[in-house]
Protein backbone atom coordinates (compact mmCIF):
# COMPACT_ATOMS: atom_id res chain seq x y z
CA MET A 1 -119.17 34.32 -137.74
CA ARG A 2 -119.41 30.83 -139.16
CA ARG A 3 -120.69 29.90 -142.53
CA ALA A 4 -124.30 28.80 -142.85
CA PRO A 5 -125.86 26.71 -141.42
CA LEU A 6 -125.45 28.83 -138.34
CA ALA A 7 -124.22 26.90 -135.34
CA LEU A 8 -124.15 27.29 -131.60
CA SER A 9 -121.04 26.55 -129.59
CA ALA A 10 -120.48 24.09 -126.79
CA ILE A 11 -120.47 26.74 -124.09
CA ALA A 12 -123.67 26.02 -122.18
CA ALA A 13 -122.82 24.20 -118.98
CA VAL A 14 -125.25 21.36 -119.66
CA VAL A 15 -122.41 18.90 -120.04
CA ALA A 16 -118.69 18.98 -119.54
CA VAL A 17 -117.64 19.45 -123.12
CA SER A 18 -114.47 19.14 -125.12
CA ALA A 19 -115.18 19.49 -128.82
CA ALA A 20 -111.60 18.78 -129.72
CA ALA A 21 -111.73 18.60 -133.48
CA CYS A 22 -108.90 17.37 -135.64
CA GLY A 23 -108.66 17.77 -139.39
CA SER A 24 -108.45 14.04 -139.90
CA ASP A 25 -108.28 10.85 -137.92
CA SER A 26 -107.47 7.59 -139.59
CA SER A 27 -108.21 5.45 -136.52
CA ASP A 28 -111.55 3.63 -136.47
CA SER A 29 -111.08 1.82 -133.18
CA ASP A 30 -114.17 1.70 -130.97
CA THR A 31 -112.35 0.49 -127.88
CA ALA A 32 -112.12 2.51 -124.71
CA ASP A 33 -108.84 4.26 -123.95
CA GLY A 34 -108.02 5.31 -120.41
CA GLY A 35 -111.65 5.10 -119.35
CA LYS A 36 -112.88 7.03 -122.40
CA GLN A 37 -115.43 5.41 -124.70
CA THR A 38 -115.74 5.81 -128.45
CA VAL A 39 -118.74 6.33 -130.72
CA ALA A 40 -118.35 5.84 -134.48
CA VAL A 41 -120.50 8.25 -136.51
CA THR A 42 -120.90 7.55 -140.22
CA ILE A 43 -122.22 10.16 -142.65
CA THR A 44 -124.08 8.98 -145.76
CA PRO A 45 -126.47 10.85 -148.09
CA GLN A 46 -129.35 9.58 -145.91
CA GLY A 47 -127.96 11.18 -142.74
CA CYS A 48 -125.71 10.12 -139.90
CA THR A 49 -125.73 6.99 -137.78
CA ALA A 50 -124.03 6.38 -134.44
CA ASP A 51 -122.56 3.08 -133.31
CA PRO A 52 -123.49 2.62 -130.52
CA ALA A 53 -126.50 4.93 -130.37
CA THR A 54 -126.81 4.52 -126.59
CA ILE A 55 -123.88 4.93 -124.20
CA PRO A 56 -123.32 5.40 -120.47
CA ALA A 57 -122.42 8.87 -119.21
CA GLY A 58 -118.76 9.80 -119.20
CA PRO A 59 -115.82 10.96 -121.35
CA THR A 60 -116.56 10.07 -124.96
CA THR A 61 -114.78 10.49 -128.27
CA PHE A 62 -116.95 10.76 -131.37
CA LYS A 63 -115.09 9.50 -134.44
CA ILE A 64 -116.83 10.82 -137.52
CA ALA A 65 -116.35 9.72 -141.12
CA ASN A 66 -118.08 11.05 -144.21
CA LYS A 67 -118.51 7.99 -146.39
CA ASP A 68 -120.04 9.48 -149.53
CA ALA A 69 -122.34 12.41 -148.66
CA ASP A 70 -121.75 15.46 -150.86
CA ALA A 71 -124.56 17.47 -149.26
CA ILE A 72 -123.54 16.82 -145.63
CA THR A 73 -120.28 18.23 -144.32
CA GLU A 74 -120.87 18.49 -140.57
CA VAL A 75 -122.19 16.60 -137.57
CA GLU A 76 -123.50 18.26 -134.42
CA LEU A 77 -124.47 16.75 -131.08
CA LEU A 78 -127.51 18.66 -129.86
CA ASN A 79 -129.16 19.08 -126.49
CA GLY A 80 -132.33 20.85 -127.56
CA ASP A 81 -131.14 23.83 -129.59
CA THR A 82 -127.66 23.88 -128.09
CA ILE A 83 -124.70 22.37 -129.90
CA LEU A 84 -122.58 20.45 -127.42
CA GLY A 85 -119.97 19.25 -129.89
CA GLU A 86 -119.46 19.33 -133.63
CA LYS A 87 -117.15 18.63 -136.52
CA GLU A 88 -117.40 20.72 -139.67
CA ASN A 89 -115.98 20.69 -143.20
CA LEU A 90 -116.04 16.92 -143.62
CA THR A 91 -116.31 16.37 -147.35
CA PRO A 92 -116.60 12.77 -148.65
CA GLY A 93 -113.65 10.67 -147.58
CA LEU A 94 -112.63 12.91 -144.68
CA SER A 95 -112.90 12.08 -141.00
CA GLY A 96 -112.45 13.84 -137.68
CA THR A 97 -113.18 13.70 -133.98
CA PHE A 98 -114.59 15.62 -131.06
CA SER A 99 -114.63 14.62 -127.40
CA LEU A 100 -117.27 15.22 -124.74
CA ASN A 101 -117.80 14.37 -121.11
CA VAL A 102 -121.51 13.77 -121.52
CA LYS A 103 -124.10 13.51 -118.78
CA GLU A 104 -127.19 11.33 -118.71
CA GLY A 105 -129.90 12.55 -121.05
CA LYS A 106 -131.51 12.44 -124.48
CA TYR A 107 -129.63 14.10 -127.32
CA GLN A 108 -129.71 14.25 -131.11
CA LEU A 109 -127.09 13.98 -133.82
CA TYR A 110 -127.79 16.62 -136.45
CA CYS A 111 -126.53 16.28 -140.03
CA PRO A 112 -127.91 19.21 -142.05
CA GLY A 113 -128.46 18.36 -145.70
CA ALA A 114 -129.60 14.76 -145.32
CA GLU A 115 -131.91 13.39 -148.00
CA GLY A 116 -135.54 13.50 -146.96
CA GLY A 117 -135.48 16.89 -145.29
CA GLU A 118 -135.56 17.94 -141.66
CA ASP A 119 -137.04 14.68 -140.36
CA LYS A 120 -134.00 12.76 -141.62
CA GLU A 121 -131.42 15.29 -140.49
CA LYS A 122 -131.68 14.41 -136.80
CA THR A 123 -130.99 11.05 -135.16
CA ASP A 124 -131.70 10.23 -131.51
CA PHE A 125 -128.70 9.63 -129.27
CA VAL A 126 -129.18 8.46 -125.67
CA VAL A 127 -126.83 8.71 -122.69
CA THR A 128 -127.74 6.52 -119.73
CA ALA A 129 -126.48 6.69 -116.16
CA ALA A 130 -122.78 6.05 -115.67
CA LYS A 131 -121.84 2.42 -115.14
CA ALA A 132 -121.57 1.39 -111.50
CA GLY A 133 -117.95 1.38 -110.41
CA ALA A 134 -116.75 3.23 -113.51
CA THR A 135 -113.61 5.28 -112.95
CA ALA A 136 -114.60 8.93 -112.95
CA LYS A 137 -111.26 10.22 -114.17
CA ALA A 138 -107.65 9.30 -114.57
CA THR A 139 -105.20 10.09 -111.79
CA LEU A 140 -103.76 13.53 -112.51
CA PRO A 141 -100.38 14.97 -111.56
CA ALA A 142 -100.40 16.99 -108.35
CA GLY A 143 -102.05 20.37 -108.69
CA VAL A 144 -103.43 19.84 -112.18
CA THR A 145 -107.10 19.81 -111.16
CA GLU A 146 -106.66 23.11 -109.36
CA GLN A 147 -104.81 24.59 -112.34
CA LEU A 148 -107.52 23.50 -114.75
CA ASN A 149 -110.29 24.89 -112.56
CA LYS A 150 -108.41 28.18 -112.24
CA ALA A 151 -108.01 28.34 -116.01
CA ALA A 152 -111.76 27.94 -116.48
CA THR A 153 -112.53 30.60 -113.88
CA ASP A 154 -109.98 33.03 -115.28
CA TYR A 155 -111.28 32.52 -118.80
CA ALA A 156 -114.76 33.55 -117.68
CA VAL A 157 -113.23 36.73 -116.24
CA TYR A 158 -111.44 37.38 -119.54
CA VAL A 159 -114.63 36.90 -121.57
CA ARG A 160 -116.57 39.29 -119.36
CA ALA A 161 -113.85 41.92 -119.65
CA GLN A 162 -113.74 41.63 -123.44
CA VAL A 163 -117.52 41.89 -123.77
CA ALA A 164 -117.59 44.89 -121.42
CA GLU A 165 -115.01 46.55 -123.68
CA LEU A 166 -117.10 45.54 -126.68
CA VAL A 167 -120.05 47.45 -125.25
CA THR A 168 -117.87 50.47 -124.49
CA ASN A 169 -116.23 50.50 -127.92
CA THR A 170 -119.47 49.92 -129.82
CA ALA A 171 -121.16 52.99 -128.32
CA PRO A 172 -119.14 55.70 -130.16
CA PHE A 173 -119.28 53.68 -133.37
CA VAL A 174 -123.06 53.52 -133.13
CA ALA A 175 -123.19 57.25 -132.37
CA ALA A 176 -121.15 58.03 -135.50
CA VAL A 177 -123.46 55.90 -137.64
CA LYS A 178 -126.56 57.59 -136.26
CA ALA A 179 -124.99 61.00 -136.83
CA GLY A 180 -124.33 60.10 -140.47
CA ASP A 181 -120.60 60.63 -140.03
CA ILE A 182 -119.14 58.09 -142.46
CA ALA A 183 -115.52 59.09 -141.87
CA LYS A 184 -115.84 58.70 -138.11
CA ALA A 185 -117.78 55.47 -138.41
CA ALA A 186 -115.09 54.05 -140.71
CA GLU A 187 -112.39 55.08 -138.23
CA LEU A 188 -114.19 53.45 -135.28
CA TYR A 189 -115.48 50.30 -136.99
CA GLY A 190 -112.46 48.12 -136.27
CA VAL A 191 -112.16 48.86 -132.55
CA PRO A 192 -115.11 46.76 -131.29
CA ARG A 193 -114.41 44.14 -133.94
CA LEU A 194 -111.20 43.19 -132.14
CA ASN A 195 -113.09 42.60 -128.88
CA TYR A 196 -115.76 40.54 -130.59
CA GLU A 197 -113.37 38.33 -132.53
CA ARG A 198 -111.51 37.41 -129.34
CA ILE A 199 -114.60 35.82 -127.80
CA GLU A 200 -116.54 34.84 -130.91
CA PRO A 201 -117.25 31.19 -129.94
CA VAL A 202 -118.86 32.37 -126.71
CA ALA A 203 -121.23 34.63 -128.63
CA GLU A 204 -122.06 31.75 -130.96
CA SER A 205 -123.41 29.80 -127.99
CA PHE A 206 -126.35 32.14 -127.51
CA GLY A 207 -128.75 31.12 -130.26
CA ASP A 208 -129.42 33.83 -132.81
CA LEU A 209 -127.33 36.48 -131.06
CA ASP A 210 -124.15 35.88 -133.05
CA PRO A 211 -125.97 36.00 -136.41
CA ALA A 212 -127.64 39.24 -135.31
CA ILE A 213 -124.28 40.78 -134.44
CA ASP A 214 -121.87 39.23 -136.93
CA ALA A 215 -123.67 37.69 -139.92
CA ARG A 216 -122.31 38.27 -143.40
CA ILE A 217 -124.72 38.77 -146.28
CA ASP A 218 -124.19 35.12 -147.30
CA ASP A 219 -125.54 33.98 -143.93
CA ALA A 220 -128.65 36.18 -143.86
CA PRO A 221 -131.80 34.22 -144.83
CA ASP A 222 -133.33 37.48 -146.06
CA PRO A 223 -131.10 40.47 -146.92
CA ALA A 224 -133.90 42.77 -145.80
CA THR A 225 -133.50 41.49 -142.23
CA TRP A 226 -129.69 41.55 -142.23
CA THR A 227 -128.31 43.29 -139.14
CA GLY A 228 -125.08 43.73 -137.22
CA PHE A 229 -121.53 44.87 -137.82
CA HIS A 230 -121.28 43.65 -141.40
CA ARG A 231 -124.52 45.33 -142.48
CA LEU A 232 -123.05 48.61 -141.24
CA GLU A 233 -119.67 47.72 -142.76
CA LYS A 234 -121.30 47.49 -146.19
CA ALA A 235 -123.09 50.80 -145.73
CA ILE A 236 -119.88 52.56 -144.67
CA PHE A 237 -117.27 51.10 -146.98
CA ALA A 238 -119.24 49.95 -150.05
CA ASP A 239 -122.45 51.97 -150.26
CA LYS A 240 -120.86 55.12 -148.83
CA SER A 241 -124.23 56.00 -147.31
CA LEU A 242 -125.67 55.67 -143.82
CA ASP A 243 -129.23 56.39 -144.86
CA GLY A 244 -131.60 54.10 -142.97
CA MET A 245 -128.83 52.67 -140.79
CA SER A 246 -129.90 54.19 -137.45
CA PRO A 247 -132.21 51.27 -136.56
CA ILE A 248 -129.44 48.81 -137.46
CA ALA A 249 -127.03 50.70 -135.22
CA ASP A 250 -129.52 50.75 -132.35
CA GLN A 251 -130.09 47.01 -132.72
CA LEU A 252 -126.34 46.37 -132.66
CA ALA A 253 -126.01 48.32 -129.42
CA ALA A 254 -128.89 46.37 -127.91
CA ASP A 255 -127.45 43.03 -129.03
CA VAL A 256 -123.97 43.62 -127.60
CA GLY A 257 -125.65 44.78 -124.41
CA LYS A 258 -127.59 41.52 -124.30
CA LEU A 259 -124.36 39.59 -124.81
CA ASN A 260 -122.85 41.47 -121.89
CA THR A 261 -125.75 40.40 -119.68
CA LEU A 262 -125.52 36.77 -120.74
CA VAL A 263 -121.78 36.33 -120.19
CA ALA A 264 -122.10 37.66 -116.65
CA THR A 265 -123.36 34.26 -115.53
CA THR A 266 -121.62 32.00 -118.06
CA THR A 267 -119.21 29.40 -116.71
CA PHE A 268 -116.81 27.10 -118.52
CA GLN A 269 -115.26 23.69 -118.23
CA PRO A 270 -111.48 23.54 -118.87
CA ALA A 271 -112.06 21.55 -122.06
CA GLN A 272 -114.53 24.18 -123.24
CA VAL A 273 -111.80 26.77 -122.93
CA ALA A 274 -109.57 24.64 -125.15
CA ASN A 275 -112.40 24.01 -127.56
CA GLY A 276 -112.98 27.73 -127.90
CA ALA A 277 -109.35 28.20 -128.87
CA THR A 278 -109.71 25.57 -131.59
CA GLU A 279 -112.88 27.20 -132.89
CA LEU A 280 -111.12 30.56 -133.10
CA LEU A 281 -108.34 29.08 -135.23
CA ASP A 282 -110.98 27.43 -137.41
CA GLU A 283 -112.50 30.88 -137.91
CA VAL A 284 -109.16 32.24 -139.09
CA GLY A 285 -108.74 29.46 -141.62
CA LEU A 286 -112.33 29.42 -142.88
CA THR A 287 -113.30 33.09 -143.21
CA LYS A 288 -110.43 35.41 -142.34
CA VAL A 289 -107.55 34.23 -144.54
CA THR A 290 -109.97 33.87 -147.45
CA GLY A 291 -111.03 37.52 -147.18
CA GLU A 292 -114.70 36.67 -146.74
CA GLU A 293 -115.21 38.24 -143.32
CA GLU A 294 -114.31 41.89 -143.97
CA ARG A 295 -114.98 42.07 -147.69
CA TYR A 296 -115.95 45.77 -147.61
CA SER A 297 -113.60 47.23 -144.97
CA LEU A 298 -110.68 44.89 -145.84
CA LEU A 299 -109.78 44.66 -142.14
CA ASP A 300 -109.36 40.89 -142.28
CA LEU A 301 -105.92 40.97 -140.67
CA LEU A 302 -107.36 42.78 -137.66
CA ASP A 303 -110.02 40.09 -137.32
CA MET A 304 -107.30 37.45 -137.56
CA GLN A 305 -105.44 39.09 -134.72
CA GLY A 306 -108.61 39.08 -132.62
CA ASN A 307 -109.19 35.36 -133.19
CA ILE A 308 -105.55 34.53 -132.54
CA ASP A 309 -105.46 36.71 -129.40
CA GLY A 310 -108.50 34.90 -128.03
CA ALA A 311 -107.06 31.48 -128.81
CA ASP A 312 -103.71 32.44 -127.30
CA LYS A 313 -105.37 33.66 -124.10
CA ALA A 314 -107.32 30.42 -123.72
CA PHE A 315 -104.20 28.34 -124.30
CA THR A 316 -102.10 30.48 -121.95
CA LEU A 317 -104.56 29.86 -119.13
CA LEU A 318 -104.43 26.10 -119.72
CA GLU A 319 -100.69 25.98 -120.34
CA PRO A 320 -99.50 25.34 -116.74
CA ALA A 321 -101.72 22.26 -116.44
CA LEU A 322 -100.91 21.11 -119.96
CA GLN A 323 -97.19 21.30 -119.20
CA LYS A 324 -97.79 18.60 -116.58
CA LEU A 325 -100.20 16.52 -118.66
CA ASP A 326 -98.33 16.65 -121.97
CA PRO A 327 -95.24 18.88 -121.94
CA THR A 328 -94.35 18.08 -125.55
CA LEU A 329 -97.76 19.19 -126.78
CA ALA A 330 -97.66 22.32 -124.62
CA THR A 331 -94.24 23.32 -125.94
CA ASN A 332 -95.26 22.62 -129.53
CA VAL A 333 -98.41 24.74 -129.34
CA ARG A 334 -96.54 27.62 -127.71
CA ALA A 335 -93.92 27.56 -130.49
CA ARG A 336 -96.65 27.58 -133.14
CA PHE A 337 -98.33 30.60 -131.53
CA THR A 338 -94.99 32.40 -131.70
CA ASP A 339 -94.76 31.53 -135.39
CA MET A 340 -98.32 32.76 -135.94
CA TYR A 341 -97.66 36.19 -134.50
CA LYS A 342 -94.41 36.44 -136.47
CA ALA A 343 -96.35 35.66 -139.64
CA LEU A 344 -98.61 38.66 -139.01
CA ASP A 345 -95.78 41.08 -138.22
CA PRO A 346 -94.88 42.00 -141.84
CA TYR A 347 -98.39 43.30 -142.42
CA LYS A 348 -98.51 45.73 -139.50
CA GLU A 349 -99.07 49.36 -140.40
CA GLY A 350 -99.35 52.05 -137.75
CA THR A 351 -101.60 50.76 -134.97
CA GLY A 352 -103.27 48.24 -137.27
CA TYR A 353 -102.60 46.28 -140.44
CA VAL A 354 -102.45 46.89 -144.16
CA SER A 355 -105.63 46.60 -146.18
CA TYR A 356 -106.20 42.96 -147.06
CA ASP A 357 -106.27 43.67 -150.80
CA LYS A 358 -102.54 44.36 -150.49
CA VAL A 359 -101.91 40.78 -149.37
CA THR A 360 -101.12 38.61 -152.39
CA GLU A 361 -102.48 35.13 -153.02
CA ASP A 362 -99.06 33.65 -152.28
CA GLN A 363 -98.91 35.54 -148.99
CA ARG A 364 -102.40 34.35 -148.10
CA ARG A 365 -101.36 30.78 -148.76
CA ALA A 366 -98.36 31.24 -146.49
CA LEU A 367 -100.63 32.57 -143.74
CA THR A 368 -102.92 29.59 -144.22
CA GLN A 369 -100.01 27.20 -143.78
CA THR A 370 -99.03 28.90 -140.52
CA VAL A 371 -102.62 28.77 -139.27
CA ASP A 372 -102.85 25.07 -140.12
CA ALA A 373 -99.55 24.36 -138.37
CA LEU A 374 -100.97 25.87 -135.18
CA ALA A 375 -104.49 24.48 -135.51
CA GLU A 376 -103.41 20.84 -135.67
CA PRO A 377 -101.64 20.59 -132.27
CA LEU A 378 -104.05 23.08 -130.70
CA SER A 379 -106.94 20.76 -131.58
CA GLN A 380 -105.38 18.10 -129.34
CA VAL A 381 -105.46 20.24 -126.20
CA ALA A 382 -109.15 19.81 -125.36
CA GLY A 383 -108.92 16.04 -125.55
CA THR A 384 -105.93 16.18 -123.23
CA VAL A 385 -107.50 18.36 -120.55
CA VAL A 386 -110.97 16.79 -120.53
CA GLN A 387 -111.29 14.59 -117.44
């Protein structure tokens, strides 16, 4: 679950999307590279501006720089209510990128927090028909297109399997909550969490479904309407009472069932698979290592494993094609995943992990460094596989 403002993910198949986000990017070139065009987006207190604000359809890199806006830290490219690409956590002076293969249409750049309110937060962005004679894609090594398409198909299968398991594993947890069995509910709480964390960016693509399932109290506009896993987590581990939680449990079961229905027809572009991996690592760095996600159950290390598992699966599916496109990058990312799992090993206990309150601040910093070392090269994968 991301921090407020709540965001959708670039999963809807409206455009071929690669939101390949890097922590920083010092280049401000607006020249095309290998057939890919560049849009410079500048964030100021008044909002965000794109140069150019109209482009032809095709592979595009958005280079974003926060000039001096304290209240704005993210930029989103919207198609209606769907986020097609975004870059978050851009405080003044920082910059970053995301890449999209955009189709013809009318979009908006959304910069929440702009002075002047909602009317100033969104800026029109237009994509016209592709230029006549434009090269559709670079020539790829033999077999790469087939490998990328297979990766996208196999990832959809993986997502459906994880969500099916999520439904199965949520059912006994919900039953324990409704029965008022705190001990059993506490025992079962972590099992569906692992499934959910593996596919979290996919859930985020479906409007308010992710907030309903996974919002923390900080993200709930009104605590009285707070639902999902973390509402039940608080009742179990902090309040030590399940009074009044049956409706919350029923709603959770209904929401994961709805997610199961939605993913049955969801398809992915190869770059979207890579983007999802990057988003999962961002989740680890933003809310898991900090201890924000599982503040009552202290199962943050389990959530980390779920995010890392999901990112690793996405990368593994893309790895054969990436070895042909950029073998150095592929080898580097694989080595960093190995380091990431090794960094978690000391905290294993039984079939799970130690309580997160047993992890010292120094150890948390070390975990953060390992996450960052993986996130940086992983963020380059989507831009490499987008065609």
